[in-house]
PDB file of all heavy atoms in Angstrom:
ATOM      1  N   ALA A   1     -11.834  -8.285  43.758  1.00  0.00           N
ATOM      2  CA  ALA A   1     -11.187  -8.585  42.445  1.00  0.00           C
ATOM      3  C   ALA A   1      -9.715  -8.743  42.689  1.00  0.00           C
ATOM      4  O   ALA A   1      -9.160  -9.734  42.396  1.00  0.00           O
ATOM      5  CB  ALA A   1     -11.585  -7.501  41.517  1.00  0.00           C
ATOM      6  N   ARG A   2      -9.065  -7.723  43.210  1.00  0.00           N
ATOM      7  CA  ARG A   2      -7.609  -7.685  43.390  1.00  0.00           C
ATOM      8  C   ARG A   2      -7.304  -6.799  44.535  1.00  0.00           C
ATOM      9  O   ARG A   2      -8.022  -5.910  44.772  1.00  0.00           O
ATOM     10  CB  ARG A   2      -6.828  -7.295  42.178  1.00  0.00           C
ATOM     11  CG  ARG A   2      -6.749  -8.417  41.081  1.00  0.00           C
ATOM     12  CD  ARG A   2      -6.268  -7.965  39.728  1.00  0.00           C
ATOM     13  NE  ARG A   2      -4.968  -7.204  39.800  1.00  0.00           N
ATOM     14  CZ  ARG A   2      -4.160  -7.114  38.758  1.00  0.00           C
ATOM     15  NH1 ARG A   2      -4.480  -7.548  37.528  1.00  0.00           N
ATOM     16  NH2 ARG A   2      -3.019  -6.378  38.884  1.00  0.00           N
ATOM     17  N   PRO A   3      -6.171  -7.067  45.176  1.00  0.00           N
ATOM     18  CA  PRO A   3      -5.840  -6.209  46.496  1.00  0.00           C
ATOM     19  C   PRO A   3      -5.814  -4.643  46.112  1.00  0.00           C
ATOM     20  O   PRO A   3      -6.389  -3.878  46.970  1.00  0.00           O
ATOM     21  CB  PRO A   3      -4.435  -6.583  46.731  1.00  0.00           C
ATOM     22  CG  PRO A   3      -4.327  -7.956  46.318  1.00  0.00           C
ATOM     23  CD  PRO A   3      -5.112  -8.048  45.015  1.00  0.00           C
ATOM     24  N   GLU A   4      -5.423  -4.223  44.948  1.00  0.00           N
ATOM     25  CA  GLU A   4      -5.458  -2.743  44.693  1.00  0.00           C
ATOM     26  C   GLU A   4      -6.852  -2.188  44.482  1.00  0.00           C
ATOM     27  O   GLU A   4      -7.027  -0.951  44.635  1.00  0.00           O
ATOM     28  CB  GLU A   4      -4.621  -2.471  43.466  1.00  0.00           C
ATOM     29  CG  GLU A   4      -5.267  -3.063  42.128  1.00  0.00           C
ATOM     30  CD  GLU A   4      -4.474  -4.393  41.914  1.00  0.00           C
ATOM     31  OE1 GLU A   4      -4.264  -5.081  42.684  1.00  0.00           O
ATOM     32  OE2 GLU A   4      -4.329  -4.618  40.576  1.00  0.00           O
ATOM     33  N   SER A   5      -7.902  -3.091  44.418  1.00  0.00           N
ATOM     34  CA  SER A   5      -9.255  -2.502  44.389  1.00  0.00           C
ATOM     35  C   SER A   5      -9.681  -1.932  45.615  1.00  0.00           C
ATOM     36  O   SER A   5     -10.744  -1.051  45.609  1.00  0.00           O
ATOM     37  CB  SER A   5     -10.195  -3.799  44.146  1.00  0.00           C
ATOM     38  OG  SER A   5      -9.861  -4.414  42.892  1.00  0.00           O
ATOM     39  N   SER A   6      -9.026  -2.029  46.724  1.00  0.00           N
ATOM     40  CA  SER A   6      -9.335  -1.518  48.022  1.00  0.00           C
ATOM     41  C   SER A   6      -8.781   0.039  48.052  1.00  0.00           C
ATOM     42  O   SER A   6      -9.225   0.705  48.928  1.00  0.00           O
ATOM     43  CB  SER A   6      -8.740  -2.258  49.160  1.00  0.00           C
ATOM     44  OG  SER A   6      -7.463  -2.332  49.129  1.00  0.00           O
ATOM     45  N   ASP A   7      -8.060   0.380  47.093  1.00  0.00           N
ATOM     46  CA  ASP A   7      -7.556   1.718  47.049  1.00  0.00           C
ATOM     47  C   ASP A   7      -8.666   2.685  46.459  1.00  0.00           C
ATOM     48  O   ASP A   7      -8.877   2.547  45.273  1.00  0.00           O
ATOM     49  CB  ASP A   7      -6.287   1.949  46.179  1.00  0.00           C
ATOM     50  CG  ASP A   7      -5.732   3.256  46.141  1.00  0.00           C
ATOM     51  OD1 ASP A   7      -6.344   4.192  46.609  1.00  0.00           O
ATOM     52  OD2 ASP A   7      -4.675   3.517  45.479  1.00  0.00           O
ATOM     53  N   THR A   8      -9.352   3.424  47.176  1.00  0.00           N
ATOM     54  CA  THR A   8     -10.553   4.153  46.772  1.00  0.00           C
ATOM     55  C   THR A   8     -10.241   5.301  45.901  1.00  0.00           C
ATOM     56  O   THR A   8     -11.078   5.996  45.374  1.00  0.00           O
ATOM     57  CB  THR A   8     -11.395   4.525  47.894  1.00  0.00           C
ATOM     58  OG1 THR A   8     -10.600   5.174  48.923  1.00  0.00           O
ATOM     59  CG2 THR A   8     -12.123   3.330  48.496  1.00  0.00           C
ATOM     60  N   LYS A   9      -8.907   5.586  45.704  1.00  0.00           N
ATOM     61  CA  LYS A   9      -8.587   6.672  44.634  1.00  0.00           C
ATOM     62  C   LYS A   9      -8.113   6.100  43.351  1.00  0.00           C
ATOM     63  O   LYS A   9      -7.901   6.839  42.446  1.00  0.00           O
ATOM     64  CB  LYS A   9      -7.357   7.470  45.358  1.00  0.00           C
ATOM     65  CG  LYS A   9      -7.729   8.352  46.471  1.00  0.00           C
ATOM     66  CD  LYS A   9      -6.676   9.314  46.845  1.00  0.00           C
ATOM     67  CE  LYS A   9      -5.358   8.731  47.291  1.00  0.00           C
ATOM     68  NZ  LYS A   9      -5.462   7.996  48.622  1.00  0.00           N
ATOM     69  N   ALA A  10      -7.972   4.739  43.248  1.00  0.00           N
ATOM     70  CA  ALA A  10      -7.507   4.150  42.062  1.00  0.00           C
ATOM     71  C   ALA A  10      -8.701   3.974  41.066  1.00  0.00           C
ATOM     72  O   ALA A  10      -9.786   3.937  41.486  1.00  0.00           O
ATOM     73  CB  ALA A  10      -6.874   2.769  42.282  1.00  0.00           C
ATOM     74  N   TRP A  11      -8.326   3.835  39.792  1.00  0.00           N
ATOM     75  CA  TRP A  11      -9.322   3.750  38.702  1.00  0.00           C
ATOM     76  C   TRP A  11     -10.342   2.529  38.890  1.00  0.00           C
ATOM     77  O   TRP A  11     -11.476   2.681  38.482  1.00  0.00           O
ATOM     78  CB  TRP A  11      -8.752   3.664  37.354  1.00  0.00           C
ATOM     79  CG  TRP A  11      -8.211   2.356  36.912  1.00  0.00           C
ATOM     80  CD1 TRP A  11      -6.810   1.892  37.298  1.00  0.00           C
ATOM     81  CD2 TRP A  11      -8.732   1.144  36.263  1.00  0.00           C
ATOM     82  NE1 TRP A  11      -6.620   0.728  36.863  1.00  0.00           N
ATOM     83  CE2 TRP A  11      -7.729   0.272  36.369  1.00  0.00           C
ATOM     84  CE3 TRP A  11      -9.989   1.048  35.874  1.00  0.00           C
ATOM     85  CZ2 TRP A  11      -8.015  -1.076  35.780  1.00  0.00           C
ATOM     86  CZ3 TRP A  11     -10.280  -0.251  35.365  1.00  0.00           C
ATOM     87  CH2 TRP A  11      -9.306  -1.207  35.237  1.00  0.00           C
ATOM     88  N   VAL A  12      -9.700   1.503  39.482  1.00  0.00           N
ATOM     89  CA  VAL A  12     -10.628   0.217  39.597  1.00  0.00           C
ATOM     90  C   VAL A  12     -11.909   0.543  40.381  1.00  0.00           C
ATOM     91  O   VAL A  12     -12.933   0.098  39.963  1.00  0.00           O
ATOM     92  CB  VAL A  12      -9.689  -0.829  40.298  1.00  0.00           C
ATOM     93  CG1 VAL A  12     -10.602  -2.184  40.479  1.00  0.00           C
ATOM     94  CG2 VAL A  12      -8.610  -1.162  39.435  1.00  0.00           C
ATOM     95  N   MET A  13     -11.662   1.236  41.507  1.00  0.00           N
ATOM     96  CA  MET A  13     -12.814   1.656  42.356  1.00  0.00           C
ATOM     97  C   MET A  13     -13.436   3.004  41.773  1.00  0.00           C
ATOM     98  O   MET A  13     -14.672   3.148  41.902  1.00  0.00           O
ATOM     99  CB  MET A  13     -12.499   1.845  43.720  1.00  0.00           C
ATOM    100  CG  MET A  13     -12.188   0.513  44.500  1.00  0.00           C
ATOM    101  SD  MET A  13     -13.616  -0.692  44.567  1.00  0.00           S
ATOM    102  CE  MET A  13     -14.762   0.274  45.658  1.00  0.00           C
ATOM    103  N   GLY A  14     -12.614   3.798  41.218  1.00  0.00           N
ATOM    104  CA  GLY A  14     -13.150   5.052  40.567  1.00  0.00           C
ATOM    105  C   GLY A  14     -14.344   4.869  39.626  1.00  0.00           C
ATOM    106  O   GLY A  14     -15.179   5.637  39.646  1.00  0.00           O
ATOM    107  N   VAL A  15     -14.155   3.755  38.770  1.00  0.00           N
ATOM    108  CA  VAL A  15     -15.219   3.582  37.810  1.00  0.00           C
ATOM    109  C   VAL A  15     -16.376   3.117  38.452  1.00  0.00           C
ATOM    110  O   VAL A  15     -17.521   3.575  38.104  1.00  0.00           O
ATOM    111  CB  VAL A  15     -14.731   2.544  36.772  1.00  0.00           C
ATOM    112  CG1 VAL A  15     -15.951   2.195  35.749  1.00  0.00           C
ATOM    113  CG2 VAL A  15     -13.604   3.067  35.986  1.00  0.00           C
ATOM    114  N   PHE A  16     -16.350   2.242  39.580  1.00  0.00           N
ATOM    115  CA  PHE A  16     -17.508   1.957  40.329  1.00  0.00           C
ATOM    116  C   PHE A  16     -18.184   3.101  40.934  1.00  0.00           C
ATOM    117  O   PHE A  16     -19.326   3.296  40.837  1.00  0.00           O
ATOM    118  CB  PHE A  16     -17.064   1.034  41.391  1.00  0.00           C
ATOM    119  CG  PHE A  16     -18.175   0.734  42.460  1.00  0.00           C
ATOM    120  CD1 PHE A  16     -19.354   0.137  42.028  1.00  0.00           C
ATOM    121  CD2 PHE A  16     -18.040   1.158  43.776  1.00  0.00           C
ATOM    122  CE1 PHE A  16     -20.381  -0.073  42.879  1.00  0.00           C
ATOM    123  CE2 PHE A  16     -19.067   1.017  44.623  1.00  0.00           C
ATOM    124  CZ  PHE A  16     -20.263   0.320  44.207  1.00  0.00           C
ATOM    125  N   TYR A  17     -17.434   4.033  41.424  1.00  0.00           N
ATOM    126  CA  TYR A  17     -18.055   5.197  42.050  1.00  0.00           C
ATOM    127  C   TYR A  17     -18.670   6.008  41.073  1.00  0.00           C
ATOM    128  O   TYR A  17     -19.723   6.798  41.304  1.00  0.00           O
ATOM    129  CB  TYR A  17     -17.055   5.988  42.924  1.00  0.00           C
ATOM    130  CG  TYR A  17     -16.595   5.284  44.245  1.00  0.00           C
ATOM    131  CD1 TYR A  17     -15.191   4.967  44.460  1.00  0.00           C
ATOM    132  CD2 TYR A  17     -17.576   4.585  45.005  1.00  0.00           C
ATOM    133  CE1 TYR A  17     -14.850   4.232  45.405  1.00  0.00           C
ATOM    134  CE2 TYR A  17     -17.062   3.905  46.110  1.00  0.00           C
ATOM    135  CZ  TYR A  17     -15.686   3.806  46.286  1.00  0.00           C
ATOM    136  OH  TYR A  17     -15.350   2.959  47.402  1.00  0.00           O
ATOM    137  N   ALA A  18     -18.117   6.198  39.784  1.00  0.00           N
ATOM    138  CA  ALA A  18     -18.739   6.869  38.739  1.00  0.00           C
ATOM    139  C   ALA A  18     -20.095   6.338  38.436  1.00  0.00           C
ATOM    140  O   ALA A  18     -21.093   7.050  38.186  1.00  0.00           O
ATOM    141  CB  ALA A  18     -17.836   6.997  37.545  1.00  0.00           C
ATOM    142  N   GLY A  19     -20.145   4.996  38.302  1.00  0.00           N
ATOM    143  CA  GLY A  19     -21.395   4.366  38.131  1.00  0.00           C
ATOM    144  C   GLY A  19     -22.399   4.468  39.191  1.00  0.00           C
ATOM    145  O   GLY A  19     -23.575   4.735  39.007  1.00  0.00           O
ATOM    146  N   LEU A  20     -21.887   4.384  40.453  1.00  0.00           N
ATOM    147  CA  LEU A  20     -22.786   4.514  41.658  1.00  0.00           C
ATOM    148  C   LEU A  20     -23.337   6.037  41.734  1.00  0.00           C
ATOM    149  O   LEU A  20     -24.533   6.236  41.983  1.00  0.00           O
ATOM    150  CB  LEU A  20     -21.899   4.256  42.938  1.00  0.00           C
ATOM    151  CG  LEU A  20     -22.684   4.198  44.261  1.00  0.00           C
ATOM    152  CD1 LEU A  20     -23.686   3.074  44.216  1.00  0.00           C
ATOM    153  CD2 LEU A  20     -21.733   4.176  45.443  1.00  0.00           C
ATOM    154  N   ALA A  21     -22.455   6.860  41.293  1.00  0.00           N
ATOM    155  CA  ALA A  21     -22.950   8.312  41.262  1.00  0.00           C
ATOM    156  C   ALA A  21     -23.966   8.562  40.234  1.00  0.00           C
ATOM    157  O   ALA A  21     -25.048   9.375  40.521  1.00  0.00           O
ATOM    158  CB  ALA A  21     -21.810   9.378  41.108  1.00  0.00           C
ATOM    159  N   ALA A  22     -23.779   8.036  39.062  1.00  0.00           N
ATOM    160  CA  ALA A  22     -24.727   8.136  37.996  1.00  0.00           C
ATOM    161  C   ALA A  22     -26.116   7.614  38.327  1.00  0.00           C
ATOM    162  O   ALA A  22     -27.224   8.068  38.205  1.00  0.00           O
ATOM    163  CB  ALA A  22     -24.259   7.544  36.700  1.00  0.00           C
ATOM    164  N   TYR A  23     -26.059   6.298  39.063  1.00  0.00           N
ATOM    165  CA  TYR A  23     -27.279   5.640  39.557  1.00  0.00           C
ATOM    166  C   TYR A  23     -28.001   6.478  40.651  1.00  0.00           C
ATOM    167  O   TYR A  23     -29.180   6.738  40.620  1.00  0.00           O
ATOM    168  CB  TYR A  23     -26.891   4.337  39.980  1.00  0.00           C
ATOM    169  CG  TYR A  23     -28.214   3.558  40.637  1.00  0.00           C
ATOM    170  CD1 TYR A  23     -29.338   3.403  39.914  1.00  0.00           C
ATOM    171  CD2 TYR A  23     -28.159   2.880  41.781  1.00  0.00           C
ATOM    172  CE1 TYR A  23     -30.437   2.806  40.352  1.00  0.00           C
ATOM    173  CE2 TYR A  23     -29.185   2.292  42.324  1.00  0.00           C
ATOM    174  CZ  TYR A  23     -30.392   2.114  41.665  1.00  0.00           C
ATOM    175  OH  TYR A  23     -31.294   1.620  42.306  1.00  0.00           O
ATOM    176  N   ASP A  24     -27.128   7.016  41.491  1.00  0.00           N
ATOM    177  CA  ASP A  24     -27.751   7.826  42.648  1.00  0.00           C
ATOM    178  C   ASP A  24     -28.473   9.001  42.039  1.00  0.00           C
ATOM    179  O   ASP A  24     -29.453   9.381  42.576  1.00  0.00           O
ATOM    180  CB  ASP A  24     -26.674   8.197  43.658  1.00  0.00           C
ATOM    181  CG  ASP A  24     -27.278   8.815  44.765  1.00  0.00           C
ATOM    182  OD1 ASP A  24     -27.820   8.081  45.723  1.00  0.00           O
ATOM    183  OD2 ASP A  24     -27.211  10.040  45.097  1.00  0.00           O
ATOM    184  N   LYS A  25     -27.867   9.635  41.074  1.00  0.00           N
ATOM    185  CA  LYS A  25     -28.402  10.885  40.609  1.00  0.00           C
ATOM    186  C   LYS A  25     -29.752  10.674  39.872  1.00  0.00           C
ATOM    187  O   LYS A  25     -30.657  11.663  39.787  1.00  0.00           O
ATOM    188  CB  LYS A  25     -27.449  11.580  39.569  1.00  0.00           C
ATOM    189  CG  LYS A  25     -26.238  12.197  40.209  1.00  0.00           C
ATOM    190  CD  LYS A  25     -25.172  12.556  39.245  1.00  0.00           C
ATOM    191  CE  LYS A  25     -25.554  13.696  38.282  1.00  0.00           C
ATOM    192  NZ  LYS A  25     -24.427  14.010  37.490  1.00  0.00           N
ATOM    193  N   THR A  26     -30.146   9.465  39.445  1.00  0.00           N
ATOM    194  CA  THR A  26     -31.428   9.162  38.956  1.00  0.00           C
ATOM    195  C   THR A  26     -32.500   9.347  39.940  1.00  0.00           C
ATOM    196  O   THR A  26     -33.743   9.551  39.636  1.00  0.00           O
ATOM    197  CB  THR A  26     -31.634   7.789  38.279  1.00  0.00           C
ATOM    198  OG1 THR A  26     -31.552   6.818  39.414  1.00  0.00           O
ATOM    199  CG2 THR A  26     -30.483   7.417  37.188  1.00  0.00           C
ATOM    200  N   GLY A  27     -32.237   9.214  41.301  1.00  0.00           N
ATOM    201  CA  GLY A  27     -33.254   9.300  42.324  1.00  0.00           C
ATOM    202  C   GLY A  27     -34.071   8.098  42.404  1.00  0.00           C
ATOM    203  O   GLY A  27     -34.918   7.972  43.332  1.00  0.00           O
ATOM    204  N   ALA A  28     -33.837   7.089  41.625  1.00  0.00           N
ATOM    205  CA  ALA A  28     -34.570   5.821  41.731  1.00  0.00           C
ATOM    206  C   ALA A  28     -34.539   5.109  43.037  1.00  0.00           C
ATOM    207  O   ALA A  28     -35.459   4.426  43.423  1.00  0.00           O
ATOM    208  CB  ALA A  28     -34.250   4.894  40.534  1.00  0.00           C
ATOM    209  N   ASP A  29     -33.295   5.236  43.683  1.00  0.00           N
ATOM    210  CA  ASP A  29     -33.126   4.525  44.998  1.00  0.00           C
ATOM    211  C   ASP A  29     -33.334   5.374  46.065  1.00  0.00           C
ATOM    212  O   ASP A  29     -32.900   5.169  47.266  1.00  0.00           O
ATOM    213  CB  ASP A  29     -31.747   4.039  44.979  1.00  0.00           C
ATOM    214  CG  ASP A  29     -30.693   5.030  44.874  1.00  0.00           C
ATOM    215  OD1 ASP A  29     -31.027   6.120  44.541  1.00  0.00           O
ATOM    216  OD2 ASP A  29     -29.464   4.776  45.182  1.00  0.00           O
ATOM    217  N   GLY A  30     -34.039   6.673  45.869  1.00  0.00           N
ATOM    218  CA  GLY A  30     -34.096   7.513  46.955  1.00  0.00           C
ATOM    219  C   GLY A  30     -32.714   8.318  47.421  1.00  0.00           C
ATOM    220  O   GLY A  30     -32.556   8.768  48.457  1.00  0.00           O
ATOM    221  N   HIS A  31     -31.703   8.208  46.505  1.00  0.00           N
ATOM    222  CA  HIS A  31     -30.440   8.893  46.750  1.00  0.00           C
ATOM    223  C   HIS A  31     -29.777   8.162  48.048  1.00  0.00           C
ATOM    224  O   HIS A  31     -29.082   8.814  48.761  1.00  0.00           O
ATOM    225  CB  HIS A  31     -30.607  10.312  46.956  1.00  0.00           C
ATOM    226  CG  HIS A  31     -31.094  11.093  45.863  1.00  0.00           C
ATOM    227  ND1 HIS A  31     -30.721  11.048  44.537  1.00  0.00           N
ATOM    228  CD2 HIS A  31     -32.335  11.663  45.848  1.00  0.00           C
ATOM    229  CE1 HIS A  31     -31.420  11.747  43.808  1.00  0.00           C
ATOM    230  NE2 HIS A  31     -32.628  12.144  44.365  1.00  0.00           N
ATOM    231  N   ARG A  32     -30.058   6.969  48.072  1.00  0.00           N
ATOM    232  CA  ARG A  32     -29.506   6.256  49.375  1.00  0.00           C
ATOM    233  C   ARG A  32     -28.030   5.976  49.337  1.00  0.00           C
ATOM    234  O   ARG A  32     -27.427   5.773  50.270  1.00  0.00           O
ATOM    235  CB  ARG A  32     -30.137   4.980  49.716  1.00  0.00           C
ATOM    236  CG  ARG A  32     -29.798   3.789  48.884  1.00  0.00           C
ATOM    237  CD  ARG A  32     -30.624   2.492  49.406  1.00  0.00           C
ATOM    238  NE  ARG A  32     -30.242   1.265  48.825  1.00  0.00           N
ATOM    239  CZ  ARG A  32     -29.388   0.459  49.307  1.00  0.00           C
ATOM    240  NH1 ARG A  32     -28.730   0.843  50.346  1.00  0.00           N
ATOM    241  NH2 ARG A  32     -29.205  -0.703  48.625  1.00  0.00           N
ATOM    242  N   PHE A  33     -27.345   6.253  48.080  1.00  0.00           N
ATOM    243  CA  PHE A  33     -25.928   5.945  48.002  1.00  0.00           C
ATOM    244  C   PHE A  33     -25.049   7.223  47.987  1.00  0.00           C
ATOM    245  O   PHE A  33     -23.854   7.179  48.085  1.00  0.00           O
ATOM    246  CB  PHE A  33     -25.619   5.080  46.794  1.00  0.00           C
ATOM    247  CG  PHE A  33     -26.105   3.640  46.827  1.00  0.00           C
ATOM    248  CD1 PHE A  33     -27.130   3.399  45.951  1.00  0.00           C
ATOM    249  CD2 PHE A  33     -25.514   2.864  47.727  1.00  0.00           C
ATOM    250  CE1 PHE A  33     -27.632   2.013  46.019  1.00  0.00           C
ATOM    251  CE2 PHE A  33     -26.009   1.585  47.683  1.00  0.00           C
ATOM    252  CZ  PHE A  33     -27.028   1.178  46.876  1.00  0.00           C
ATOM    253  N   LEU A  34     -25.740   8.490  48.073  1.00  0.00           N
ATOM    254  CA  LEU A  34     -25.043   9.661  48.175  1.00  0.00           C
ATOM    255  C   LEU A  34     -24.158   9.703  49.470  1.00  0.00           C
ATOM    256  O   LEU A  34     -23.055  10.080  49.427  1.00  0.00           O
ATOM    257  CB  LEU A  34     -25.924  10.862  48.192  1.00  0.00           C
ATOM    258  CG  LEU A  34     -25.308  12.249  48.248  1.00  0.00           C
ATOM    259  CD1 LEU A  34     -24.338  12.525  47.119  1.00  0.00           C
ATOM    260  CD2 LEU A  34     -26.296  13.308  48.348  1.00  0.00           C
ATOM    261  N   PRO A  35     -24.590   9.297  50.726  1.00  0.00           N
ATOM    262  CA  PRO A  35     -23.723   9.221  51.912  1.00  0.00           C
ATOM    263  C   PRO A  35     -22.734   8.411  51.721  1.00  0.00           C
ATOM    264  O   PRO A  35     -21.390   8.676  52.197  1.00  0.00           O
ATOM    265  CB  PRO A  35     -24.703   8.667  52.987  1.00  0.00           C
ATOM    266  CG  PRO A  35     -26.144   9.092  52.480  1.00  0.00           C
ATOM    267  CD  PRO A  35     -26.003   8.986  50.996  1.00  0.00           C
ATOM    268  N   GLU A  36     -22.603   7.242  50.956  1.00  0.00           N
ATOM    269  CA  GLU A  36     -21.488   6.411  50.614  1.00  0.00           C
ATOM    270  C   GLU A  36     -20.496   7.182  49.768  1.00  0.00           C
ATOM    271  O   GLU A  36     -19.204   7.075  50.142  1.00  0.00           O
ATOM    272  CB  GLU A  36     -21.880   5.185  49.882  1.00  0.00           C
ATOM    273  CG  GLU A  36     -20.726   4.251  49.562  1.00  0.00           C
ATOM    274  CD  GLU A  36     -20.095   3.535  50.732  1.00  0.00           C
ATOM    275  OE1 GLU A  36     -20.697   3.557  51.847  1.00  0.00           O
ATOM    276  OE2 GLU A  36     -18.889   3.178  50.513  1.00  0.00           O
ATOM    277  N   LEU A  37     -20.868   7.881  48.806  1.00  0.00           N
ATOM    278  CA  LEU A  37     -19.976   8.655  47.976  1.00  0.00           C
ATOM    279  C   LEU A  37     -19.244   9.823  48.797  1.00  0.00           C
ATOM    280  O   LEU A  37     -18.149  10.035  48.561  1.00  0.00           O
ATOM    281  CB  LEU A  37     -20.796   9.266  46.755  1.00  0.00           C
ATOM    282  CG  LEU A  37     -21.212   8.196  45.741  1.00  0.00           C
ATOM    283  CD1 LEU A  37     -22.374   8.843  44.791  1.00  0.00           C
ATOM    284  CD2 LEU A  37     -20.108   7.669  44.984  1.00  0.00           C
ATOM    285  N   ILE A  38     -20.090  10.425  49.582  1.00  0.00           N
ATOM    286  CA  ILE A  38     -19.563  11.452  50.513  1.00  0.00           C
ATOM    287  C   ILE A  38     -18.403  10.855  51.522  1.00  0.00           C
ATOM    288  O   ILE A  38     -17.451  11.400  51.771  1.00  0.00           O
ATOM    289  CB  ILE A  38     -20.588  12.237  51.162  1.00  0.00           C
ATOM    290  CG1 ILE A  38     -21.449  13.075  50.248  1.00  0.00           C
ATOM    291  CG2 ILE A  38     -19.949  13.173  52.321  1.00  0.00           C
ATOM    292  CD1 ILE A  38     -22.649  13.753  50.933  1.00  0.00           C
TER     293      ILE A  38
END
């Protein structure tokens, strides 16, 4: 989207990781994204 999106502490990516964490917590994907979050 924009260069600052690569900053993984910024809100732009932070909201993505919040959504990714919520999706991973459902277990529907076998928790395959937990390693990415870690």
